[in-house]
């Protein structure tokens, strides 16, 4: 029996993984998968891969791409979610900021440096021509830390997946200012180099099962109710999210889709020219 330790955010995107584990769909492959919820997001999972507390992770494309190009010993195995992630831009409820341009010198709460909440601030800055030297960051650990930072005026803004934060907006913990989408497929599956080298075939077969389960979840008319129940979300929000979300359902070619991520990281000086060189060989 092969045992893999896998991490991912405790959010609706990862329900196909949880269902596969609950339904024992890997048993005939001789695979036992141990799932860990990573509330700290991509930054926490990168640390997990580096420390070998994780074998595999389901994490944000931009975060793991930067980490690998900066030396993390891991490989991207496949895209997990093809559609963009819709990041909500959140501010304190009593903030006088009227639109996104008002965040040009804001302090952003981020789960970790190198996390999606950190890197997406650069995507936001690029879109609105912010001088990034005027932007500062406050590391807060996870979504609960981000909401706390807004409630206590420790930070001016916080970026997180908008459906996950909708309950906090609904109860008045923060205000939704707008959204910004990732300009690339949002989630990938990555594994430590030694794990991928030794078990690449088994991991790809495992991913194939997860992709099939994601397609079944997408097509099932009862999925809205199950997702809403499991993740404490409102059914209309889940219904809209499910329409917008496309997992990767097959082993179609994907590597060229990462070129725009690398170009963005280089343009925003989040990686160097040296780190960017031979990027495909490093990533895959």
C-alpha atoms as a PDB file:
ATOM      1  CA  UNK A   1       0.000   0.000   0.000  1.00  0.00           C
ATOM      2  CA  UNK A   2       1.406   3.382  -1.057  1.00  0.00           C
ATOM      3  CA  UNK A   3       0.622   6.200   1.362  1.00  0.00           C
ATOM      4  CA  UNK A   4       0.637   9.839   0.275  1.00  0.00           C
ATOM      5  CA  UNK A   5       0.193  12.927   2.444  1.00  0.00           C
ATOM      6  CA  UNK A   6      -1.727  15.564   0.503  1.00  0.00           C
ATOM      7  CA  UNK A   7      -2.739  19.081   1.500  1.00  0.00           C
ATOM      8  CA  UNK A   8      -5.309  21.540   0.194  1.00  0.00           C
ATOM      9  CA  UNK A   9      -7.467  24.422   1.329  1.00  0.00           C
ATOM     10  CA  UNK A  10     -10.672  23.406   3.169  1.00  0.00           C
ATOM     11  CA  UNK A  11     -12.832  24.904   0.429  1.00  0.00           C
ATOM     12  CA  UNK A  12     -15.427  23.718  -2.071  1.00  0.00           C
ATOM     13  CA  UNK A  13     -12.886  23.365  -4.898  1.00  0.00           C
ATOM     14  CA  UNK A  14     -11.420  20.337  -3.148  1.00  0.00           C
ATOM     15  CA  UNK A  15     -14.621  18.394  -2.607  1.00  0.00           C
ATOM     16  CA  UNK A  16     -13.737  15.916  -5.425  1.00  0.00           C
ATOM     17  CA  UNK A  17     -10.658  14.889  -3.433  1.00  0.00           C
ATOM     18  CA  UNK A  18     -12.631  14.454  -0.237  1.00  0.00           C
ATOM     19  CA  UNK A  19     -15.296  12.412  -2.014  1.00  0.00           C
ATOM     20  CA  UNK A  20     -12.704  10.154  -3.637  1.00  0.00           C
ATOM     21  CA  UNK A  21     -11.169   9.466  -0.232  1.00  0.00           C
ATOM     22  CA  UNK A  22     -14.560   8.858   1.406  1.00  0.00           C
ATOM     23  CA  UNK A  23     -15.619   6.545  -1.443  1.00  0.00           C
ATOM     24  CA  UNK A  24     -12.325   4.582  -1.431  1.00  0.00           C
ATOM     25  CA  UNK A  25     -11.811   5.060  -5.163  1.00  0.00           C
ATOM     26  CA  UNK A  26      -8.027   4.623  -4.863  1.00  0.00           C
ATOM     27  CA  UNK A  27      -8.167   1.276  -3.076  1.00  0.00           C
ATOM     28  CA  UNK A  28      -7.665  -0.869  -6.178  1.00  0.00           C
ATOM     29  CA  UNK A  29      -4.630   1.263  -7.063  1.00  0.00           C
ATOM     30  CA  UNK A  30      -3.042   0.325  -3.759  1.00  0.00           C
ATOM     31  CA  UNK A  31      -3.050   3.985  -2.701  1.00  0.00           C
ATOM     32  CA  UNK A  32      -3.945   5.349   0.725  1.00  0.00           C
ATOM     33  CA  UNK A  33      -4.359   9.116   0.679  1.00  0.00           C
ATOM     34  CA  UNK A  34      -4.131  11.162   3.893  1.00  0.00           C
ATOM     35  CA  UNK A  35      -5.711  14.592   3.427  1.00  0.00           C
ATOM     36  CA  UNK A  36      -4.737  17.625   5.535  1.00  0.00           C
ATOM     37  CA  UNK A  37      -6.721  20.874   5.491  1.00  0.00           C
ATOM     38  CA  UNK A  38      -4.346  23.781   4.941  1.00  0.00           C
ATOM     39  CA  UNK A  39      -6.117  26.888   6.248  1.00  0.00           C
ATOM     40  CA  UNK A  40      -2.950  28.907   5.624  1.00  0.00           C
ATOM     41  CA  UNK A  41      -3.306  28.343   1.894  1.00  0.00           C
ATOM     42  CA  UNK A  42      -0.611  28.050  -0.730  1.00  0.00           C
ATOM     43  CA  UNK A  43       2.170  29.499   1.407  1.00  0.00           C
ATOM     44  CA  UNK A  44       1.560  26.874   4.085  1.00  0.00           C
ATOM     45  CA  UNK A  45       1.533  24.090   1.493  1.00  0.00           C
ATOM     46  CA  UNK A  46       4.806  25.249  -0.047  1.00  0.00           C
ATOM     47  CA  UNK A  47       6.367  25.029   3.414  1.00  0.00           C
ATOM     48  CA  UNK A  48       4.831  21.571   3.775  1.00  0.00           C
ATOM     49  CA  UNK A  49       6.436  20.363   0.542  1.00  0.00           C
ATOM     50  CA  UNK A  50       9.771  21.876   1.542  1.00  0.00           C
ATOM     51  CA  UNK A  51       9.707  20.288   5.003  1.00  0.00           C
ATOM     52  CA  UNK A  52       8.441  16.956   3.601  1.00  0.00           C
ATOM     53  CA  UNK A  53       5.370  17.033   5.825  1.00  0.00           C
ATOM     54  CA  UNK A  54       3.434  16.882   2.520  1.00  0.00           C
ATOM     55  CA  UNK A  55       4.064  14.676  -0.498  1.00  0.00           C
ATOM     56  CA  UNK A  56       1.512  16.327  -2.782  1.00  0.00           C
ATOM     57  CA  UNK A  57      -0.427  19.602  -2.638  1.00  0.00           C
ATOM     58  CA  UNK A  58      -3.358  21.225  -4.432  1.00  0.00           C
ATOM     59  CA  UNK A  59      -2.369  24.856  -4.543  1.00  0.00           C
ATOM     60  CA  UNK A  60      -2.570  28.133  -6.422  1.00  0.00           C
ATOM     61  CA  UNK A  61      -0.777  28.206  -9.753  1.00  0.00           C
ATOM     62  CA  UNK A  62       1.077  31.485  -9.276  1.00  0.00           C
ATOM     63  CA  UNK A  63       2.311  30.597  -5.788  1.00  0.00           C
ATOM     64  CA  UNK A  64       3.862  27.224  -6.570  1.00  0.00           C
ATOM     65  CA  UNK A  65       5.247  28.511  -9.885  1.00  0.00           C
ATOM     66  CA  UNK A  66       7.155  31.259  -8.083  1.00  0.00           C
ATOM     67  CA  UNK A  67       8.302  28.868  -5.354  1.00  0.00           C
ATOM     68  CA  UNK A  68       9.669  26.269  -7.786  1.00  0.00           C
ATOM     69  CA  UNK A  69      11.473  28.879  -9.872  1.00  0.00           C
ATOM     70  CA  UNK A  70      13.029  30.160  -6.649  1.00  0.00           C
ATOM     71  CA  UNK A  71      14.268  26.711  -5.722  1.00  0.00           C
ATOM     72  CA  UNK A  72      11.525  24.668  -4.062  1.00  0.00           C
ATOM     73  CA  UNK A  73      12.176  21.028  -4.958  1.00  0.00           C
ATOM     74  CA  UNK A  74       8.791  20.200  -6.472  1.00  0.00           C
ATOM     75  CA  UNK A  75       7.140  19.661  -9.845  1.00  0.00           C
ATOM     76  CA  UNK A  76       3.762  20.677 -11.204  1.00  0.00           C
ATOM     77  CA  UNK A  77       1.964  17.440 -12.088  1.00  0.00           C
ATOM     78  CA  UNK A  78      -1.185  18.798 -13.730  1.00  0.00           C
ATOM     79  CA  UNK A  79      -3.753  21.565 -13.670  1.00  0.00           C
ATOM     80  CA  UNK A  80      -6.579  20.867 -11.223  1.00  0.00           C
ATOM     81  CA  UNK A  81      -9.008  23.744 -11.932  1.00  0.00           C
ATOM     82  CA  UNK A  82      -8.998  25.266 -15.421  1.00  0.00           C
ATOM     83  CA  UNK A  83     -11.187  28.272 -14.657  1.00  0.00           C
ATOM     84  CA  UNK A  84      -9.885  31.457 -12.987  1.00  0.00           C
ATOM     85  CA  UNK A  85     -10.202  32.076  -9.259  1.00  0.00           C
ATOM     86  CA  UNK A  86     -12.465  34.990  -8.399  1.00  0.00           C
ATOM     87  CA  UNK A  87     -10.738  36.918  -5.654  1.00  0.00           C
ATOM     88  CA  UNK A  88     -12.888  39.179  -3.539  1.00  0.00           C
ATOM     89  CA  UNK A  89     -11.354  42.518  -2.557  1.00  0.00           C
ATOM     90  CA  UNK A  90     -12.398  43.109   1.048  1.00  0.00           C
ATOM     91  CA  UNK A  91     -12.062  46.213   3.219  1.00  0.00           C
ATOM     92  CA  UNK A  92     -13.212  47.210   6.734  1.00  0.00           C
ATOM     93  CA  UNK A  93     -16.936  47.885   6.979  1.00  0.00           C
ATOM     94  CA  UNK A  94     -16.302  51.506   7.975  1.00  0.00           C
ATOM     95  CA  UNK A  95     -13.601  52.142   5.363  1.00  0.00           C
ATOM     96  CA  UNK A  96     -13.996  55.325   3.331  1.00  0.00           C
ATOM     97  CA  UNK A  97     -12.355  53.742   0.275  1.00  0.00           C
ATOM     98  CA  UNK A  98     -14.926  54.072  -2.518  1.00  0.00           C
ATOM     99  CA  UNK A  99     -13.274  52.014  -5.262  1.00  0.00           C
ATOM    100  CA  UNK A 100     -10.250  49.817  -5.912  1.00  0.00           C
ATOM    101  CA  UNK A 101      -8.099  52.756  -7.010  1.00  0.00           C
ATOM    102  CA  UNK A 102      -8.290  53.979  -3.422  1.00  0.00           C
ATOM    103  CA  UNK A 103      -6.062  51.069  -2.370  1.00  0.00           C
ATOM    104  CA  UNK A 104      -2.994  52.506  -4.151  1.00  0.00           C
ATOM    105  CA  UNK A 105      -1.063  52.779  -0.859  1.00  0.00           C
ATOM    106  CA  UNK A 106      -2.899  50.162   1.210  1.00  0.00           C
ATOM    107  CA  UNK A 107      -1.662  47.606   3.676  1.00  0.00           C
ATOM    108  CA  UNK A 108      -2.848  44.179   2.509  1.00  0.00           C
ATOM    109  CA  UNK A 109      -3.430  41.296   4.897  1.00  0.00           C
ATOM    110  CA  UNK A 110      -1.860  38.134   3.426  1.00  0.00           C
ATOM    111  CA  UNK A 111      -1.835  34.564   4.685  1.00  0.00           C
ATOM    112  CA  UNK A 112       1.896  34.228   3.957  1.00  0.00           C
ATOM    113  CA  UNK A 113       4.448  35.888   1.730  1.00  0.00           C
ATOM    114  CA  UNK A 114       4.379  34.044  -1.580  1.00  0.00           C
ATOM    115  CA  UNK A 115       0.772  32.978  -1.038  1.00  0.00           C
ATOM    116  CA  UNK A 116      -2.070  33.736  -3.423  1.00  0.00           C
ATOM    117  CA  UNK A 117      -3.350  36.588  -1.266  1.00  0.00           C
ATOM    118  CA  UNK A 118       0.122  38.135  -1.524  1.00  0.00           C
ATOM    119  CA  UNK A 119       0.771  37.577  -5.240  1.00  0.00           C
ATOM    120  CA  UNK A 120      -2.733  38.626  -6.283  1.00  0.00           C
ATOM    121  CA  UNK A 121      -2.076  42.039  -4.753  1.00  0.00           C
ATOM    122  CA  UNK A 122       0.527  42.377  -7.513  1.00  0.00           C
ATOM    123  CA  UNK A 123      -2.027  41.339 -10.138  1.00  0.00           C
ATOM    124  CA  UNK A 124      -4.327  44.018  -8.711  1.00  0.00           C
ATOM    125  CA  UNK A 125      -1.515  46.556  -8.671  1.00  0.00           C
ATOM    126  CA  UNK A 126      -0.568  45.816 -12.273  1.00  0.00           C
ATOM    127  CA  UNK A 127      -4.170  46.189 -13.427  1.00  0.00           C
ATOM    128  CA  UNK A 128      -4.638  49.541 -11.668  1.00  0.00           C
ATOM    129  CA  UNK A 129      -1.087  50.858 -12.168  1.00  0.00           C
ATOM    130  CA  UNK A 130      -0.216  50.977  -8.467  1.00  0.00           C
ATOM    131  CA  UNK A 131       3.336  51.884  -7.486  1.00  0.00           C
ATOM    132  CA  UNK A 132       4.040  48.674  -5.592  1.00  0.00           C
ATOM    133  CA  UNK A 133       6.676  50.326  -3.408  1.00  0.00           C
ATOM    134  CA  UNK A 134       3.744  52.123  -1.742  1.00  0.00           C
ATOM    135  CA  UNK A 135       1.976  48.834  -0.945  1.00  0.00           C
ATOM    136  CA  UNK A 136       2.729  47.001   2.314  1.00  0.00           C
ATOM    137  CA  UNK A 137       1.796  43.578   3.646  1.00  0.00           C
ATOM    138  CA  UNK A 138       0.778  42.104   6.977  1.00  0.00           C
ATOM    139  CA  UNK A 139       1.084  38.323   7.433  1.00  0.00           C
ATOM    140  CA  UNK A 140      -2.041  37.032   9.192  1.00  0.00           C
ATOM    141  CA  UNK A 141      -1.999  33.249   8.681  1.00  0.00           C
ATOM    142  CA  UNK A 142      -5.382  32.413   7.150  1.00  0.00           C
ATOM    143  CA  UNK A 143      -8.820  33.701   6.180  1.00  0.00           C
ATOM    144  CA  UNK A 144      -9.813  34.195   9.830  1.00  0.00           C
ATOM    145  CA  UNK A 145      -6.694  36.269  10.414  1.00  0.00           C
ATOM    146  CA  UNK A 146      -7.538  38.344   7.362  1.00  0.00           C
ATOM    147  CA  UNK A 147     -11.039  39.114   8.587  1.00  0.00           C
ATOM    148  CA  UNK A 148      -9.628  39.900  12.047  1.00  0.00           C
ATOM    149  CA  UNK A 149      -7.120  42.311  10.486  1.00  0.00           C
ATOM    150  CA  UNK A 150      -9.942  44.198   8.775  1.00  0.00           C
ATOM    151  CA  UNK A 151     -12.182  44.246  11.846  1.00  0.00           C
ATOM    152  CA  UNK A 152      -9.344  45.588  13.989  1.00  0.00           C
ATOM    153  CA  UNK A 153      -8.038  48.011  11.353  1.00  0.00           C
ATOM    154  CA  UNK A 154      -4.647  46.314  11.252  1.00  0.00           C
ATOM    155  CA  UNK A 155      -4.889  46.154   7.448  1.00  0.00           C
ATOM    156  CA  UNK A 156      -6.732  48.149   4.801  1.00  0.00           C
ATOM    157  CA  UNK A 157      -7.584  45.305   2.423  1.00  0.00           C
ATOM    158  CA  UNK A 158      -7.662  41.532   2.145  1.00  0.00           C
ATOM    159  CA  UNK A 159      -7.924  39.340  -0.951  1.00  0.00           C
ATOM    160  CA  UNK A 160      -9.557  35.907  -0.709  1.00  0.00           C
ATOM    161  CA  UNK A 161     -11.822  33.680  -2.808  1.00  0.00           C
ATOM    162  CA  UNK A 162     -15.109  35.552  -2.827  1.00  0.00           C
ATOM    163  CA  UNK A 163     -17.497  32.683  -2.171  1.00  0.00           C
ATOM    164  CA  UNK A 164     -15.493  31.531   0.843  1.00  0.00           C
ATOM    165  CA  UNK A 165     -15.679  35.016   2.365  1.00  0.00           C
ATOM    166  CA  UNK A 166     -19.339  35.644   1.459  1.00  0.00           C
ATOM    167  CA  UNK A 167     -20.582  34.568   4.932  1.00  0.00           C
ATOM    168  CA  UNK A 168     -18.260  37.154   6.541  1.00  0.00           C
ATOM    169  CA  UNK A 169     -19.584  39.858   4.214  1.00  0.00           C
ATOM    170  CA  UNK A 170     -23.182  38.809   4.903  1.00  0.00           C
ATOM    171  CA  UNK A 171     -22.781  39.143   8.665  1.00  0.00           C
ATOM    172  CA  UNK A 172     -21.016  42.506   8.436  1.00  0.00           C
ATOM    173  CA  UNK A 173     -17.463  41.499   9.358  1.00  0.00           C
ATOM    174  CA  UNK A 174     -16.072  43.193   6.240  1.00  0.00           C
ATOM    175  CA  UNK A 175     -17.161  44.946   3.069  1.00  0.00           C
ATOM    176  CA  UNK A 176     -16.876  43.602  -0.493  1.00  0.00           C
ATOM    177  CA  UNK A 177     -15.273  46.277  -2.698  1.00  0.00           C
ATOM    178  CA  UNK A 178     -14.923  44.319  -5.922  1.00  0.00           C
ATOM    179  CA  UNK A 179     -13.164  41.353  -7.423  1.00  0.00           C
ATOM    180  CA  UNK A 180     -10.154  40.449  -9.514  1.00  0.00           C
ATOM    181  CA  UNK A 181      -9.742  37.175 -11.358  1.00  0.00           C
ATOM    182  CA  UNK A 182      -6.580  35.187 -11.948  1.00  0.00           C
ATOM    183  CA  UNK A 183      -5.595  35.474 -15.637  1.00  0.00           C
ATOM    184  CA  UNK A 184      -4.676  31.748 -15.724  1.00  0.00           C
ATOM    185  CA  UNK A 185      -5.989  28.363 -14.484  1.00  0.00           C
ATOM    186  CA  UNK A 186      -6.214  28.790 -10.741  1.00  0.00           C
ATOM    187  CA  UNK A 187      -5.254  25.484  -9.072  1.00  0.00           C
ATOM    188  CA  UNK A 188      -2.581  22.921  -9.887  1.00  0.00           C
ATOM    189  CA  UNK A 189      -1.421  19.691  -8.278  1.00  0.00           C
ATOM    190  CA  UNK A 190       2.267  19.607  -7.353  1.00  0.00           C
ATOM    191  CA  UNK A 191       4.462  17.042  -5.689  1.00  0.00           C
ATOM    192  CA  UNK A 192       7.917  16.829  -4.199  1.00  0.00           C
ATOM    193  CA  UNK A 193      10.568  15.887  -6.748  1.00  0.00           C
ATOM    194  CA  UNK A 194      11.421  12.604  -5.051  1.00  0.00           C
ATOM    195  CA  UNK A 195       7.757  11.579  -4.820  1.00  0.00           C
ATOM    196  CA  UNK A 196       6.956  12.456  -8.446  1.00  0.00           C
ATOM    197  CA  UNK A 197      10.070  10.698  -9.710  1.00  0.00           C
ATOM    198  CA  UNK A 198       9.240   7.492  -7.849  1.00  0.00           C
ATOM    199  CA  UNK A 199       5.442   7.416  -8.100  1.00  0.00           C
ATOM    200  CA  UNK A 200       4.590   9.546 -11.154  1.00  0.00           C
ATOM    201  CA  UNK A 201       2.496   6.848 -12.830  1.00  0.00           C
ATOM    202  CA  UNK A 202       0.429   6.134  -9.744  1.00  0.00           C
ATOM    203  CA  UNK A 203      -0.130   9.839  -9.096  1.00  0.00           C
ATOM    204  CA  UNK A 204      -1.369  10.425 -12.658  1.00  0.00           C
ATOM    205  CA  UNK A 205      -3.813   7.516 -12.355  1.00  0.00           C
ATOM    206  CA  UNK A 206      -4.997   8.917  -9.026  1.00  0.00           C
ATOM    207  CA  UNK A 207      -5.523  12.328 -10.636  1.00  0.00           C
ATOM    208  CA  UNK A 208      -7.488  10.714 -13.430  1.00  0.00           C
ATOM    209  CA  UNK A 209      -9.916   9.337 -10.830  1.00  0.00           C
ATOM    210  CA  UNK A 210     -10.219  12.765  -9.198  1.00  0.00           C
ATOM    211  CA  UNK A 211     -10.905  14.385 -12.582  1.00  0.00           C
ATOM    212  CA  UNK A 212     -13.680  11.866 -13.237  1.00  0.00           C
ATOM    213  CA  UNK A 213     -15.170  12.566  -9.794  1.00  0.00           C
ATOM    214  CA  UNK A 214     -15.043  16.310 -10.442  1.00  0.00           C
ATOM    215  CA  UNK A 215     -16.988  15.835 -13.688  1.00  0.00           C
ATOM    216  CA  UNK A 216     -19.592  13.779 -11.849  1.00  0.00           C
ATOM    217  CA  UNK A 217     -19.869  16.491  -9.180  1.00  0.00           C
ATOM    218  CA  UNK A 218     -20.238  19.177 -11.846  1.00  0.00           C
ATOM    219  CA  UNK A 219     -23.049  17.287 -13.597  1.00  0.00           C
ATOM    220  CA  UNK A 220     -24.946  16.115 -10.491  1.00  0.00           C
ATOM    221  CA  UNK A 221     -28.104  18.138  -9.862  1.00  0.00           C
ATOM    222  CA  UNK A 222     -27.786  17.506  -6.110  1.00  0.00           C
ATOM    223  CA  UNK A 223     -24.258  18.935  -5.846  1.00  0.00           C
ATOM    224  CA  UNK A 224     -25.437  22.444  -4.939  1.00  0.00           C
ATOM    225  CA  UNK A 225     -27.143  21.217  -1.781  1.00  0.00           C
ATOM    226  CA  UNK A 226     -24.206  19.036  -0.745  1.00  0.00           C
ATOM    227  CA  UNK A 227     -21.614  21.782  -1.257  1.00  0.00           C
ATOM    228  CA  UNK A 228     -23.750  24.342   0.582  1.00  0.00           C
ATOM    229  CA  UNK A 229     -24.194  21.947   3.507  1.00  0.00           C
ATOM    230  CA  UNK A 230     -20.550  20.911   3.741  1.00  0.00           C
ATOM    231  CA  UNK A 231     -19.054  24.384   3.437  1.00  0.00           C
ATOM    232  CA  UNK A 232     -21.755  26.498   5.139  1.00  0.00           C
ATOM    233  CA  UNK A 233     -22.560  28.493   2.011  1.00  0.00           C
ATOM    234  CA  UNK A 234     -25.837  29.773   0.590  1.00  0.00           C
ATOM    235  CA  UNK A 235     -27.289  27.644  -2.210  1.00  0.00           C
ATOM    236  CA  UNK A 236     -27.656  30.538  -4.720  1.00  0.00           C
ATOM    237  CA  UNK A 237     -23.948  31.359  -4.266  1.00  0.00           C
ATOM    238  CA  UNK A 238     -22.978  27.709  -4.728  1.00  0.00           C
ATOM    239  CA  UNK A 239     -25.142  27.409  -7.830  1.00  0.00           C
ATOM    240  CA  UNK A 240     -23.409  30.420  -9.398  1.00  0.00           C
ATOM    241  CA  UNK A 241     -19.959  29.180  -8.355  1.00  0.00           C
ATOM    242  CA  UNK A 242     -20.604  25.737  -9.830  1.00  0.00           C
ATOM    243  CA  UNK A 243     -21.611  27.295 -13.163  1.00  0.00           C
ATOM    244  CA  UNK A 244     -18.387  29.306 -13.237  1.00  0.00           C
ATOM    245  CA  UNK A 245     -16.018  26.533 -12.140  1.00  0.00           C
ATOM    246  CA  UNK A 246     -14.423  24.087 -14.562  1.00  0.00           C
ATOM    247  CA  UNK A 247     -12.107  21.462 -13.189  1.00  0.00           C
ATOM    248  CA  UNK A 248      -9.689  19.803 -15.603  1.00  0.00           C
ATOM    249  CA  UNK A 249     -11.515  16.667 -16.672  1.00  0.00           C
ATOM    250  CA  UNK A 250      -8.878  14.921 -18.782  1.00  0.00           C
ATOM    251  CA  UNK A 251      -5.141  14.667 -19.371  1.00  0.00           C
ATOM    252  CA  UNK A 252      -5.216  17.345 -22.083  1.00  0.00           C
ATOM    253  CA  UNK A 253      -1.982  19.323 -22.720  1.00  0.00           C
ATOM    254  CA  UNK A 254      -1.583  22.186 -20.278  1.00  0.00           C
ATOM    255  CA  UNK A 255       2.039  23.263 -19.957  1.00  0.00           C
ATOM    256  CA  UNK A 256       1.789  26.209 -22.365  1.00  0.00           C
ATOM    257  CA  UNK A 257      -0.874  27.743 -20.095  1.00  0.00           C
ATOM    258  CA  UNK A 258       1.798  28.414 -17.475  1.00  0.00           C
ATOM    259  CA  UNK A 259       3.796  30.732 -19.751  1.00  0.00           C
ATOM    260  CA  UNK A 260       1.609  33.715 -18.813  1.00  0.00           C
ATOM    261  CA  UNK A 261       2.206  33.047 -15.107  1.00  0.00           C
ATOM    262  CA  UNK A 262       5.973  33.073 -15.589  1.00  0.00           C
ATOM    263  CA  UNK A 263       5.758  36.239 -17.715  1.00  0.00           C
ATOM    264  CA  UNK A 264       3.719  37.979 -15.002  1.00  0.00           C
ATOM    265  CA  UNK A 265       6.133  36.987 -12.224  1.00  0.00           C
ATOM    266  CA  UNK A 266       9.040  38.318 -14.270  1.00  0.00           C
ATOM    267  CA  UNK A 267       7.279  41.561 -15.241  1.00  0.00           C
ATOM    268  CA  UNK A 268       6.458  42.319 -11.601  1.00  0.00           C
ATOM    269  CA  UNK A 269      10.003  41.419 -10.478  1.00  0.00           C
ATOM    270  CA  UNK A 270       8.735  38.563  -8.323  1.00  0.00           C
ATOM    271  CA  UNK A 271      11.319  36.354 -10.039  1.00  0.00           C
ATOM    272  CA  UNK A 272      14.618  37.246 -11.703  1.00  0.00           C
ATOM    273  CA  UNK A 273      15.750  36.633 -15.276  1.00  0.00           C
ATOM    274  CA  UNK A 274      17.988  33.845 -13.994  1.00  0.00           C
ATOM    275  CA  UNK A 275      15.114  32.193 -12.143  1.00  0.00           C
ATOM    276  CA  UNK A 276      12.923  32.509 -15.243  1.00  0.00           C
ATOM    277  CA  UNK A 277      15.412  30.779 -17.556  1.00  0.00           C
ATOM    278  CA  UNK A 278      14.488  27.221 -18.587  1.00  0.00           C
ATOM    279  CA  UNK A 279      11.247  27.631 -16.668  1.00  0.00           C
ATOM    280  CA  UNK A 280       9.439  24.699 -18.295  1.00  0.00           C
ATOM    281  CA  UNK A 281      12.224  22.287 -17.384  1.00  0.00           C
ATOM    282  CA  UNK A 282      12.142  23.527 -13.787  1.00  0.00           C
ATOM    283  CA  UNK A 283       8.359  23.439 -13.410  1.00  0.00           C
ATOM    284  CA  UNK A 284       7.601  20.084 -15.039  1.00  0.00           C
END
